Amino acid sequence: MSFRRALALAACGLAGGSVLFSAVAVGKPPARSGGGDAEPRPGTAAVPAAPAAPQGLLLLPPAAAASCPPAAGWIERAGGTGGYWDSNWDRREPLALINLKKKNEETGEEELASRLDHCKAKATRHIFLIRHSQYNLDGRADKDRTLTPLGREQAELTGRRLASLGLKFDQIIHSSMTRATETTEIISKYLPGVKKISTDLLREGAPIEPDPPVSHWKPEAVQYYEDGARIEAAFRNFIHRADAKQEEDSYEIFVCHANVIRYIVCRALQFPPEGWLRMSLNNGSITHLVIRPNGRVALRTLGDTGFMPPDKITRT
């Protein structure tokens, strides 16, 4: 039973959706007693046999899904059986934006093609997620958690790296916490003229209870409840395909925190968000997400600090 239980839990972690199916290799199935196929007893109706599993496979029962840890209430799971990718993950799929029942008053036709074209995104969004630089861990209040001298060096290196890409950045949106604000001020020196916007949505917090759990970091349940909805709101507000009115590709920088970035990456790629703590991000690192007009998402880089000398790299 413990072996089956372990398999069921593994399946839950991998599936992350509404339909669960797992099969694992096992030993050869035992032969039936008496040999041959069993015949129905006289006077009883034959019961249709369940679909046989291929030899050497063990099918986990659907009941195993009940043992999966429940997702947070604000997480929407993709339904259906057509695959794991939800093409309307950002609620901007053109078909979801139009009223199919609305008819043209003169012709009685839907004019579907023209209406779909009006709602289609045309541009690609490039999202650069920057983790703040090293900061003073001894500060009791947020205002005291300022960047260390090394942290300021890291921000300089990150700013130079972003400038070297030769991209026309549209804006820098940053967390309102001190360490993120100071990192932004240093980076912005290398990107003159790029507007800066501060937001509380990107503040650090506990996005969702990690799976597997860790022993060294255990926030109270109320912190997940409060922070999780806010960080999910940040994802929904900032991470989506381009507006249909946007004509050119955009390049946007978000300076925030490790927990926020890791959660956003999981959500954008439609990976189970509970796995966010399985990743690590260095201070001043660059994560690059690309969102195509059709809603497809690609991860170009995750936590890149290859532009920093080894003695400048930290993860605090």
C-alpha atoms as a PDB file:
ATOM      1  CA  MET A   1       0.000   0.000   0.000  1.00  0.00           C
ATOM      2  CA  SER A   2       2.851   2.408   0.763  1.00  0.00           C
ATOM      3  CA  PHE A   3       4.276   1.859  -2.732  1.00  0.00           C
ATOM      4  CA  ARG A   4       0.907   2.612  -4.380  1.00  0.00           C
ATOM      5  CA  ARG A   5       0.505   5.667  -2.170  1.00  0.00           C
ATOM      6  CA  ALA A   6       3.907   7.009  -3.252  1.00  0.00           C
ATOM      7  CA  LEU A   7       2.978   6.515  -6.899  1.00  0.00           C
ATOM      8  CA  ALA A   8      -0.306   8.342  -6.429  1.00  0.00           C
ATOM      9  CA  LEU A   9       1.414  11.310  -4.829  1.00  0.00           C
ATOM     10  CA  ALA A  10       3.984  11.427  -7.607  1.00  0.00           C
ATOM     11  CA  ALA A  11       1.189  11.445 -10.157  1.00  0.00           C
ATOM     12  CA  CYS A  12      -0.518  14.325  -8.365  1.00  0.00           C
ATOM     13  CA  GLY A  13       2.610  16.429  -8.473  1.00  0.00           C
ATOM     14  CA  LEU A  14       3.109  15.855 -12.179  1.00  0.00           C
ATOM     15  CA  ALA A  15      -0.445  16.159 -13.399  1.00  0.00           C
ATOM     16  CA  GLY A  16      -1.446  19.546 -11.965  1.00  0.00           C
ATOM     17  CA  GLY A  17      -4.744  19.329 -13.796  1.00  0.00           C
ATOM     18  CA  SER A  18      -8.228  17.964 -13.466  1.00  0.00           C
ATOM     19  CA  VAL A  19      -7.542  14.582 -15.053  1.00  0.00           C
ATOM     20  CA  LEU A  20      -5.177  12.088 -13.483  1.00  0.00           C
ATOM     21  CA  PHE A  21      -3.730   9.050 -15.206  1.00  0.00           C
ATOM     22  CA  SER A  22      -0.501   7.308 -14.345  1.00  0.00           C
ATOM     23  CA  ALA A  23       1.095   4.032 -15.268  1.00  0.00           C
ATOM     24  CA  VAL A  24       4.310   2.554 -13.951  1.00  0.00           C
ATOM     25  CA  ALA A  25       6.251  -0.569 -14.785  1.00  0.00           C
ATOM     26  CA  VAL A  26       5.743  -3.465 -12.372  1.00  0.00           C
ATOM     27  CA  GLY A  27       6.449  -7.147 -12.292  1.00  0.00           C
ATOM     28  CA  LYS A  28       4.802  -9.696 -14.484  1.00  0.00           C
ATOM     29  CA  PRO A  29       1.095 -10.109 -13.595  1.00  0.00           C
ATOM     30  CA  PRO A  30       0.286 -13.409 -11.843  1.00  0.00           C
ATOM     31  CA  ALA A  31      -1.438 -16.102 -13.890  1.00  0.00           C
ATOM     32  CA  ARG A  32      -5.076 -16.854 -13.073  1.00  0.00           C
ATOM     33  CA  SER A  33      -5.760 -19.980 -11.097  1.00  0.00           C
ATOM     34  CA  GLY A  34      -7.045 -22.868 -13.178  1.00  0.00           C
ATOM     35  CA  GLY A  35      -5.543 -21.398 -16.353  1.00  0.00           C
ATOM     36  CA  GLY A  36      -7.351 -19.674 -19.212  1.00  0.00           C
ATOM     37  CA  ASP A  37     -10.044 -17.001 -18.971  1.00  0.00           C
ATOM     38  CA  ALA A  38     -12.613 -17.261 -16.211  1.00  0.00           C
ATOM     39  CA  GLU A  39     -16.147 -18.165 -17.399  1.00  0.00           C
ATOM     40  CA  PRO A  40     -19.331 -16.657 -15.850  1.00  0.00           C
ATOM     41  CA  ARG A  41     -21.214 -18.952 -13.522  1.00  0.00           C
ATOM     42  CA  PRO A  42     -24.474 -20.432 -14.802  1.00  0.00           C
ATOM     43  CA  GLY A  43     -27.507 -18.233 -14.034  1.00  0.00           C
ATOM     44  CA  THR A  44     -25.494 -15.046 -13.695  1.00  0.00           C
ATOM     45  CA  ALA A  45     -25.077 -12.238 -16.177  1.00  0.00           C
ATOM     46  CA  ALA A  46     -21.660 -11.710 -17.614  1.00  0.00           C
ATOM     47  CA  VAL A  47     -20.038  -8.505 -16.333  1.00  0.00           C
ATOM     48  CA  PRO A  48     -18.128  -6.568 -19.010  1.00  0.00           C
ATOM     49  CA  ALA A  49     -14.445  -6.698 -18.242  1.00  0.00           C
ATOM     50  CA  ALA A  50     -12.571  -3.480 -17.537  1.00  0.00           C
ATOM     51  CA  PRO A  51     -10.104  -2.454 -20.231  1.00  0.00           C
ATOM     52  CA  ALA A  52      -6.985  -4.483 -19.696  1.00  0.00           C
ATOM     53  CA  ALA A  53      -3.730  -2.703 -18.943  1.00  0.00           C
ATOM     54  CA  PRO A  54      -0.773  -3.529 -21.150  1.00  0.00           C
ATOM     55  CA  GLN A  55       1.346  -6.274 -19.658  1.00  0.00           C
ATOM     56  CA  GLY A  56       3.824  -4.927 -17.146  1.00  0.00           C
ATOM     57  CA  LEU A  57       1.833  -1.774 -16.304  1.00  0.00           C
ATOM     58  CA  LEU A  58      -0.053  -0.868 -13.161  1.00  0.00           C
ATOM     59  CA  LEU A  59      -2.899   1.625 -13.556  1.00  0.00           C
ATOM     60  CA  LEU A  60      -3.508   3.868 -10.576  1.00  0.00           C
ATOM     61  CA  PRO A  61      -7.223   4.199  -9.725  1.00  0.00           C
ATOM     62  CA  PRO A  62      -8.970   7.578 -10.152  1.00  0.00           C
ATOM     63  CA  ALA A  63      -9.462   7.633  -6.390  1.00  0.00           C
ATOM     64  CA  ALA A  64      -5.788   8.459  -6.113  1.00  0.00           C
ATOM     65  CA  ALA A  65      -6.612  11.969  -7.283  1.00  0.00           C
ATOM     66  CA  ALA A  66      -8.495  12.569  -4.049  1.00  0.00           C
ATOM     67  CA  SER A  67      -5.220  12.369  -2.154  1.00  0.00           C
ATOM     68  CA  CYS A  68      -3.682  15.296  -4.060  1.00  0.00           C
ATOM     69  CA  PRO A  69      -3.186  18.419  -1.912  1.00  0.00           C
ATOM     70  CA  PRO A  70      -5.877  20.984  -2.776  1.00  0.00           C
ATOM     71  CA  ALA A  71      -4.801  24.037  -4.732  1.00  0.00           C
ATOM     72  CA  ALA A  72      -5.268  27.529  -3.402  1.00  0.00           C
ATOM     73  CA  GLY A  73      -8.700  28.956  -4.114  1.00  0.00           C
ATOM     74  CA  TRP A  74      -7.434  31.635  -6.496  1.00  0.00           C
ATOM     75  CA  ILE A  75      -5.626  29.151  -8.776  1.00  0.00           C
ATOM     76  CA  GLU A  76      -7.630  28.132 -11.824  1.00  0.00           C
ATOM     77  CA  ARG A  77      -6.887  24.691 -13.217  1.00  0.00           C
ATOM     78  CA  ALA A  78      -7.292  24.005 -16.918  1.00  0.00           C
ATOM     79  CA  GLY A  79     -10.143  21.616 -17.622  1.00  0.00           C
ATOM     80  CA  GLY A  80     -10.919  19.307 -20.500  1.00  0.00           C
ATOM     81  CA  THR A  81      -8.929  16.478 -21.982  1.00  0.00           C
ATOM     82  CA  GLY A  82      -7.411  18.191 -25.005  1.00  0.00           C
ATOM     83  CA  GLY A  83      -3.982  18.739 -23.476  1.00  0.00           C
ATOM     84  CA  TYR A  84      -2.280  20.586 -20.699  1.00  0.00           C
ATOM     85  CA  TRP A  85      -1.923  24.034 -22.285  1.00  0.00           C
ATOM     86  CA  ASP A  86      -4.788  26.458 -21.641  1.00  0.00           C
ATOM     87  CA  SER A  87      -4.740  28.825 -24.634  1.00  0.00           C
ATOM     88  CA  ASN A  88      -7.016  31.252 -22.774  1.00  0.00           C
ATOM     89  CA  TRP A  89      -4.822  31.389 -19.655  1.00  0.00           C
ATOM     90  CA  ASP A  90      -4.792  35.200 -19.661  1.00  0.00           C
ATOM     91  CA  ARG A  91      -8.471  35.530 -20.651  1.00  0.00           C
ATOM     92  CA  ARG A  92      -7.409  37.330 -23.855  1.00  0.00           C
ATOM     93  CA  GLU A  93      -8.009  34.599 -26.406  1.00  0.00           C
ATOM     94  CA  PRO A  94      -9.945  36.333 -29.234  1.00  0.00           C
ATOM     95  CA  LEU A  95     -12.781  33.806 -29.238  1.00  0.00           C
ATOM     96  CA  ALA A  96     -13.304  34.471 -25.531  1.00  0.00           C
ATOM     97  CA  LEU A  97     -13.563  38.233 -26.079  1.00  0.00           C
ATOM     98  CA  ILE A  98     -16.418  38.315 -28.578  1.00  0.00           C
ATOM     99  CA  ASN A  99     -20.080  37.536 -28.294  1.00  0.00           C
ATOM    100  CA  LEU A 100     -20.740  34.750 -30.789  1.00  0.00           C
ATOM    101  CA  LYS A 101     -24.497  35.210 -30.459  1.00  0.00           C
ATOM    102  CA  LYS A 102     -24.427  38.783 -31.680  1.00  0.00           C
ATOM    103  CA  LYS A 103     -25.628  38.947 -35.292  1.00  0.00           C
ATOM    104  CA  ASN A 104     -25.154  41.570 -37.942  1.00  0.00           C
ATOM    105  CA  GLU A 105     -28.491  43.399 -38.100  1.00  0.00           C
ATOM    106  CA  GLU A 106     -28.526  43.661 -41.905  1.00  0.00           C
ATOM    107  CA  THR A 107     -27.168  40.307 -43.079  1.00  0.00           C
ATOM    108  CA  GLY A 108     -27.927  38.146 -40.048  1.00  0.00           C
ATOM    109  CA  GLU A 109     -24.358  36.814 -40.200  1.00  0.00           C
ATOM    110  CA  GLU A 110     -21.813  36.937 -37.407  1.00  0.00           C
ATOM    111  CA  GLU A 111     -18.941  38.553 -39.288  1.00  0.00           C
ATOM    112  CA  LEU A 112     -16.774  36.347 -37.129  1.00  0.00           C
ATOM    113  CA  ALA A 113     -13.527  36.784 -39.056  1.00  0.00           C
ATOM    114  CA  SER A 114     -13.450  40.570 -38.847  1.00  0.00           C
ATOM    115  CA  ARG A 115     -14.412  40.579 -35.192  1.00  0.00           C
ATOM    116  CA  LEU A 116     -11.731  38.025 -34.353  1.00  0.00           C
ATOM    117  CA  ASP A 117      -9.134  40.076 -36.198  1.00  0.00           C
ATOM    118  CA  HIS A 118     -10.126  43.132 -34.172  1.00  0.00           C
ATOM    119  CA  CYS A 119      -9.387  41.246 -30.924  1.00  0.00           C
ATOM    120  CA  LYS A 120      -6.147  39.536 -31.968  1.00  0.00           C
ATOM    121  CA  ALA A 121      -2.857  40.647 -30.462  1.00  0.00           C
ATOM    122  CA  LYS A 122      -0.239  41.660 -33.018  1.00  0.00           C
ATOM    123  CA  ALA A 123       2.847  42.293 -30.904  1.00  0.00           C
ATOM    124  CA  THR A 124       5.153  40.231 -28.699  1.00  0.00           C
ATOM    125  CA  ARG A 125       5.841  41.185 -25.095  1.00  0.00           C
ATOM    126  CA  HIS A 126       9.307  40.659 -23.625  1.00  0.00           C
ATOM    127  CA  ILE A 127       9.222  40.525 -19.835  1.00  0.00           C
ATOM    128  CA  PHE A 128      12.510  40.946 -17.940  1.00  0.00           C
ATOM    129  CA  LEU A 129      12.140  39.937 -14.289  1.00  0.00           C
ATOM    130  CA  ILE A 130      15.023  41.259 -12.176  1.00  0.00           C
ATOM    131  CA  ARG A 131      15.664  40.093  -8.639  1.00  0.00           C
ATOM    132  CA  HIS A 132      16.823  42.908  -6.325  1.00  0.00           C
ATOM    133  CA  SER A 133      20.479  43.059  -5.295  1.00  0.00           C
ATOM    134  CA  GLN A 134      21.983  41.920  -1.981  1.00  0.00           C
ATOM    135  CA  TYR A 135      20.595  43.864   0.978  1.00  0.00           C
ATOM    136  CA  ASN A 136      21.113  44.293   4.709  1.00  0.00           C
ATOM    137  CA  LEU A 137      19.445  41.311   6.370  1.00  0.00           C
ATOM    138  CA  ASP A 138      19.818  42.840   9.848  1.00  0.00           C
ATOM    139  CA  GLY A 139      17.350  45.648   9.199  1.00  0.00           C
ATOM    140  CA  ARG A 140      14.290  45.342  11.407  1.00  0.00           C
ATOM    141  CA  ALA A 141      11.959  47.390   9.205  1.00  0.00           C
ATOM    142  CA  ASP A 142      11.780  47.535   5.426  1.00  0.00           C
ATOM    143  CA  LYS A 143      13.308  51.031   5.351  1.00  0.00           C
ATOM    144  CA  ASP A 144      16.385  49.635   7.117  1.00  0.00           C
ATOM    145  CA  ARG A 145      16.890  46.802   4.621  1.00  0.00           C
ATOM    146  CA  THR A 146      18.969  48.828   2.224  1.00  0.00           C
ATOM    147  CA  LEU A 147      21.423  47.494  -0.356  1.00  0.00           C
ATOM    148  CA  THR A 148      24.876  46.482   0.829  1.00  0.00           C
ATOM    149  CA  PRO A 149      27.963  47.878  -0.949  1.00  0.00           C
ATOM    150  CA  LEU A 150      28.156  44.587  -2.861  1.00  0.00           C
ATOM    151  CA  GLY A 151      24.457  44.853  -3.646  1.00  0.00           C
ATOM    152  CA  ARG A 152      25.010  48.257  -5.215  1.00  0.00           C
ATOM    153  CA  GLU A 153      27.801  46.786  -7.339  1.00  0.00           C
ATOM    154  CA  GLN A 154      25.465  44.004  -8.454  1.00  0.00           C
ATOM    155  CA  ALA A 155      22.809  46.519  -9.502  1.00  0.00           C
ATOM    156  CA  GLU A 156      25.414  48.402 -11.534  1.00  0.00           C
ATOM    157  CA  LEU A 157      26.368  45.173 -13.318  1.00  0.00           C
ATOM    158  CA  THR A 158      22.707  44.340 -14.000  1.00  0.00           C
ATOM    159  CA  GLY A 159      22.075  47.837 -15.365  1.00  0.00           C
ATOM    160  CA  ARG A 160      25.064  47.585 -17.691  1.00  0.00           C
ATOM    161  CA  ARG A 161      23.932  44.179 -18.898  1.00  0.00           C
ATOM    162  CA  LEU A 162      20.420  45.412 -19.716  1.00  0.00           C
ATOM    163  CA  ALA A 163      21.809  48.453 -21.524  1.00  0.00           C
ATOM    164  CA  SER A 164      24.168  46.252 -23.557  1.00  0.00           C
ATOM    165  CA  LEU A 165      21.206  44.370 -25.039  1.00  0.00           C
ATOM    166  CA  GLY A 166      20.439  47.387 -27.205  1.00  0.00           C
ATOM    167  CA  LEU A 167      16.691  47.136 -26.626  1.00  0.00           C
ATOM    168  CA  LYS A 168      14.234  49.994 -26.413  1.00  0.00           C
ATOM    169  CA  PHE A 169      12.734  49.373 -22.986  1.00  0.00           C
ATOM    170  CA  ASP A 170       9.259  50.768 -22.464  1.00  0.00           C
ATOM    171  CA  GLN A 171       9.052  50.919 -18.682  1.00  0.00           C
ATOM    172  CA  ILE A 172      10.445  49.686 -15.371  1.00  0.00           C
ATOM    173  CA  ILE A 173       7.834  48.480 -12.891  1.00  0.00           C
ATOM    174  CA  HIS A 174       9.250  47.763  -9.453  1.00  0.00           C
ATOM    175  CA  SER A 175       8.230  46.582  -6.028  1.00  0.00           C
ATOM    176  CA  SER A 176       7.733  49.358  -3.498  1.00  0.00           C
ATOM    177  CA  MET A 177      10.059  47.631  -0.998  1.00  0.00           C
ATOM    178  CA  THR A 178      13.303  49.475  -0.263  1.00  0.00           C
ATOM    179  CA  ARG A 179      15.724  46.913  -1.719  1.00  0.00           C
ATOM    180  CA  ALA A 180      13.790  46.776  -5.009  1.00  0.00           C
ATOM    181  CA  THR A 181      13.441  50.547  -5.213  1.00  0.00           C
ATOM    182  CA  GLU A 182      17.171  51.097  -4.670  1.00  0.00           C
ATOM    183  CA  THR A 183      18.018  48.421  -7.247  1.00  0.00           C
ATOM    184  CA  THR A 184      15.728  50.176  -9.728  1.00  0.00           C
ATOM    185  CA  GLU A 185      17.342  53.570  -9.144  1.00  0.00           C
ATOM    186  CA  ILE A 186      20.776  52.183  -9.968  1.00  0.00           C
ATOM    187  CA  ILE A 187      19.611  50.205 -13.004  1.00  0.00           C
ATOM    188  CA  SER A 188      17.717  53.188 -14.395  1.00  0.00           C
ATOM    189  CA  LYS A 189      20.949  55.202 -14.652  1.00  0.00           C
ATOM    190  CA  TYR A 190      21.887  52.944 -17.565  1.00  0.00           C
ATOM    191  CA  LEU A 191      18.451  53.281 -19.190  1.00  0.00           C
ATOM    192  CA  PRO A 192      17.827  57.044 -19.330  1.00  0.00           C
ATOM    193  CA  GLY A 193      14.346  58.152 -20.222  1.00  0.00           C
ATOM    194  CA  VAL A 194      12.641  54.884 -19.280  1.00  0.00           C
ATOM    195  CA  LYS A 195       9.719  55.620 -16.976  1.00  0.00           C
ATOM    196  CA  LYS A 196       9.578  53.990 -13.531  1.00  0.00           C
ATOM    197  CA  ILE A 197       6.407  52.800 -11.804  1.00  0.00           C
ATOM    198  CA  SER A 198       6.217  51.578  -8.195  1.00  0.00           C
ATOM    199  CA  THR A 199       3.608  49.028  -7.085  1.00  0.00           C
ATOM    200  CA  ASP A 200       2.736  47.188  -3.888  1.00  0.00           C
ATOM    201  CA  LEU A 201       1.553  44.150  -5.863  1.00  0.00           C
ATOM    202  CA  LEU A 202       5.152  43.048  -6.477  1.00  0.00           C
ATOM    203  CA  ARG A 203       6.232  43.139  -2.816  1.00  0.00           C
ATOM    204  CA  GLU A 204       7.832  39.994  -1.436  1.00  0.00           C
ATOM    205  CA  GLY A 205       5.634  37.397   0.247  1.00  0.00           C
ATOM    206  CA  ALA A 206       4.541  33.783   0.481  1.00  0.00           C
ATOM    207  CA  PRO A 207       2.748  33.024  -2.810  1.00  0.00           C
ATOM    208  CA  ILE A 208       1.528  29.476  -2.196  1.00  0.00           C
ATOM    209  CA  GLU A 209       2.500  26.598   0.076  1.00  0.00           C
ATOM    210  CA  PRO A 210       5.450  24.863  -1.611  1.00  0.00           C
ATOM    211  CA  ASP A 211       5.459  21.191  -2.511  1.00  0.00           C
ATOM    212  CA  PRO A 212       7.559  19.496  -1.282  1.00  0.00           C
ATOM    213  CA  PRO A 213       7.584  21.523   1.935  1.00  0.00           C
ATOM    214  CA  VAL A 214      10.818  22.770   3.468  1.00  0.00           C
ATOM    215  CA  SER A 215      11.757  22.744   7.133  1.00  0.00           C
ATOM    216  CA  HIS A 216      13.655  26.050   7.277  1.00  0.00           C
ATOM    217  CA  TRP A 217      10.798  28.283   6.050  1.00  0.00           C
ATOM    218  CA  LYS A 218       7.274  27.819   7.359  1.00  0.00           C
ATOM    219  CA  PRO A 219       5.050  30.917   7.178  1.00  0.00           C
ATOM    220  CA  GLU A 220       1.726  30.916   8.947  1.00  0.00           C
ATOM    221  CA  ALA A 221      -1.300  29.889   6.894  1.00  0.00           C
ATOM    222  CA  VAL A 222      -2.669  33.438   7.077  1.00  0.00           C
ATOM    223  CA  GLN A 223       0.450  34.727   5.284  1.00  0.00           C
ATOM    224  CA  TYR A 224      -0.202  32.451   2.318  1.00  0.00           C
ATOM    225  CA  TYR A 225      -3.811  33.621   2.349  1.00  0.00           C
ATOM    226  CA  GLU A 226      -2.901  37.325   2.318  1.00  0.00           C
ATOM    227  CA  ASP A 227       0.230  37.292   0.144  1.00  0.00           C
ATOM    228  CA  GLY A 228      -0.921  34.607  -2.264  1.00  0.00           C
ATOM    229  CA  ALA A 229      -3.929  36.510  -3.576  1.00  0.00           C
ATOM    230  CA  ARG A 230      -1.848  39.678  -3.966  1.00  0.00           C
ATOM    231  CA  ILE A 231       0.962  37.951  -5.883  1.00  0.00           C
ATOM    232  CA  GLU A 232      -1.594  36.189  -8.071  1.00  0.00           C
ATOM    233  CA  ALA A 233      -3.119  39.616  -8.734  1.00  0.00           C
ATOM    234  CA  ALA A 234       0.332  40.830  -9.811  1.00  0.00           C
ATOM    235  CA  PHE A 235       0.557  37.932 -12.250  1.00  0.00           C
ATOM    236  CA  ARG A 236      -2.865  38.645 -13.741  1.00  0.00           C
ATOM    237  CA  ASN A 237      -2.217  42.383 -14.013  1.00  0.00           C
ATOM    238  CA  PHE A 238       1.242  42.279 -15.556  1.00  0.00           C
ATOM    239  CA  ILE A 239       1.718  38.909 -17.280  1.00  0.00           C
ATOM    240  CA  HIS A 240      -0.485  38.521 -20.360  1.00  0.00           C
ATOM    241  CA  ARG A 241      -0.323  38.810 -24.133  1.00  0.00           C
ATOM    242  CA  ALA A 242      -0.180  42.255 -25.700  1.00  0.00           C
ATOM    243  CA  ASP A 243      -3.278  44.373 -26.080  1.00  0.00           C
ATOM    244  CA  ALA A 244      -4.805  44.242 -29.556  1.00  0.00           C
ATOM    245  CA  LYS A 245      -4.054  47.952 -29.997  1.00  0.00           C
ATOM    246  CA  GLN A 246      -0.308  47.432 -29.435  1.00  0.00           C
ATOM    247  CA  GLU A 247       1.429  47.587 -32.811  1.00  0.00           C
ATOM    248  CA  GLU A 248       5.098  47.038 -31.907  1.00  0.00           C
ATOM    249  CA  ASP A 249       6.896  44.536 -29.694  1.00  0.00           C
ATOM    250  CA  SER A 250       7.484  45.766 -26.151  1.00  0.00           C
ATOM    251  CA  TYR A 251      10.338  45.312 -23.676  1.00  0.00           C
ATOM    252  CA  GLU A 252       9.432  45.739 -20.020  1.00  0.00           C
ATOM    253  CA  ILE A 253      11.480  45.373 -16.837  1.00  0.00           C
ATOM    254  CA  PHE A 254      10.044  44.240 -13.517  1.00  0.00           C
ATOM    255  CA  VAL A 255      12.308  44.608 -10.471  1.00  0.00           C
ATOM    256  CA  CYS A 256      11.001  42.547  -7.589  1.00  0.00           C
ATOM    257  CA  HIS A 257      11.744  39.484  -5.458  1.00  0.00           C
ATOM    258  CA  ALA A 258      12.711  35.830  -5.719  1.00  0.00           C
ATOM    259  CA  ASN A 259       9.418  34.365  -4.469  1.00  0.00           C
ATOM    260  CA  VAL A 260       7.384  36.595  -6.772  1.00  0.00           C
ATOM    261  CA  ILE A 261       9.522  35.830  -9.826  1.00  0.00           C
ATOM    262  CA  ARG A 262       9.525  32.069  -9.252  1.00  0.00           C
ATOM    263  CA  TYR A 263       5.772  32.004  -8.813  1.00  0.00           C
ATOM    264  CA  ILE A 264       5.244  34.089 -11.961  1.00  0.00           C
ATOM    265  CA  VAL A 265       7.463  31.762 -13.990  1.00  0.00           C
ATOM    266  CA  CYS A 266       5.496  28.703 -12.851  1.00  0.00           C
ATOM    267  CA  ARG A 267       2.156  30.350 -13.623  1.00  0.00           C
ATOM    268  CA  ALA A 268       3.258  31.703 -17.003  1.00  0.00           C
ATOM    269  CA  LEU A 269       4.545  28.298 -18.135  1.00  0.00           C
ATOM    270  CA  GLN A 270       1.480  26.572 -16.647  1.00  0.00           C
ATOM    271  CA  PHE A 271       3.643  24.462 -14.363  1.00  0.00           C
ATOM    272  CA  PRO A 272       2.217  23.527 -10.947  1.00  0.00           C
ATOM    273  CA  PRO A 273       2.732  26.765  -8.965  1.00  0.00           C
ATOM    274  CA  GLU A 274       3.429  24.751  -5.814  1.00  0.00           C
ATOM    275  CA  GLY A 275       6.835  23.970  -7.339  1.00  0.00           C
ATOM    276  CA  TRP A 276       8.097  27.565  -7.150  1.00  0.00           C
ATOM    277  CA  LEU A 277      10.549  26.837  -4.312  1.00  0.00           C
ATOM    278  CA  ARG A 278      12.379  24.212  -6.375  1.00  0.00           C
ATOM    279  CA  MET A 279      14.155  27.058  -8.207  1.00  0.00           C
ATOM    280  CA  SER A 280      16.856  29.412  -6.912  1.00  0.00           C
ATOM    281  CA  LEU A 281      17.645  32.936  -8.112  1.00  0.00           C
ATOM    282  CA  ASN A 282      20.789  34.980  -7.520  1.00  0.00           C
ATOM    283  CA  ASN A 283      20.713  38.629  -6.520  1.00  0.00           C
ATOM    284  CA  GLY A 284      20.521  40.934  -9.531  1.00  0.00           C
ATOM    285  CA  SER A 285      19.669  38.041 -11.840  1.00  0.00           C
ATOM    286  CA  ILE A 286      17.715  38.399 -15.085  1.00  0.00           C
ATOM    287  CA  THR A 287      14.800  36.149 -16.053  1.00  0.00           C
ATOM    288  CA  HIS A 288      13.394  36.665 -19.548  1.00  0.00           C
ATOM    289  CA  LEU A 289       9.862  35.606 -20.500  1.00  0.00           C
ATOM    290  CA  VAL A 290       8.417  36.008 -24.001  1.00  0.00           C
ATOM    291  CA  ILE A 291       4.655  36.175 -24.613  1.00  0.00           C
ATOM    292  CA  ARG A 292       3.675  35.765 -28.266  1.00  0.00           C
ATOM    293  CA  PRO A 293       0.521  37.255 -29.840  1.00  0.00           C
ATOM    294  CA  ASN A 294      -1.120  33.806 -29.835  1.00  0.00           C
ATOM    295  CA  GLY A 295      -0.614  33.530 -26.071  1.00  0.00           C
ATOM    296  CA  ARG A 296       2.255  31.041 -26.202  1.00  0.00           C
ATOM    297  CA  VAL A 297       4.890  31.652 -23.536  1.00  0.00           C
ATOM    298  CA  ALA A 298       8.609  30.865 -23.682  1.00  0.00           C
ATOM    299  CA  LEU A 299      11.306  31.150 -21.025  1.00  0.00           C
ATOM    300  CA  ARG A 300      14.476  32.562 -22.616  1.00  0.00           C
ATOM    301  CA  THR A 301      16.593  32.768 -19.460  1.00  0.00           C
ATOM    302  CA  LEU A 302      16.051  31.939 -15.788  1.00  0.00           C
ATOM    303  CA  GLY A 303      18.085  33.731 -13.135  1.00  0.00           C
ATOM    304  CA  ASP A 304      20.957  34.695 -15.440  1.00  0.00           C
ATOM    305  CA  THR A 305      24.019  36.162 -13.667  1.00  0.00           C
ATOM    306  CA  GLY A 306      26.623  35.077 -16.215  1.00  0.00           C
ATOM    307  CA  PHE A 307      27.497  38.743 -16.707  1.00  0.00           C
ATOM    308  CA  MET A 308      28.769  39.009 -13.091  1.00  0.00           C
ATOM    309  CA  PRO A 309      32.234  37.976 -11.891  1.00  0.00           C
ATOM    310  CA  PRO A 310      32.016  34.869  -9.640  1.00  0.00           C
ATOM    311  CA  ASP A 311      33.051  36.845  -6.547  1.00  0.00           C
ATOM    312  CA  LYS A 312      30.098  39.214  -7.024  1.00  0.00           C
ATOM    313  CA  ILE A 313      27.401  36.508  -7.117  1.00  0.00           C
ATOM    314  CA  THR A 314      25.208  36.026  -4.029  1.00  0.00           C
ATOM    315  CA  ARG A 315      21.814  34.532  -3.253  1.00  0.00           C
ATOM    316  CA  THR A 316      20.409  36.190  -0.124  1.00  0.00           C
END
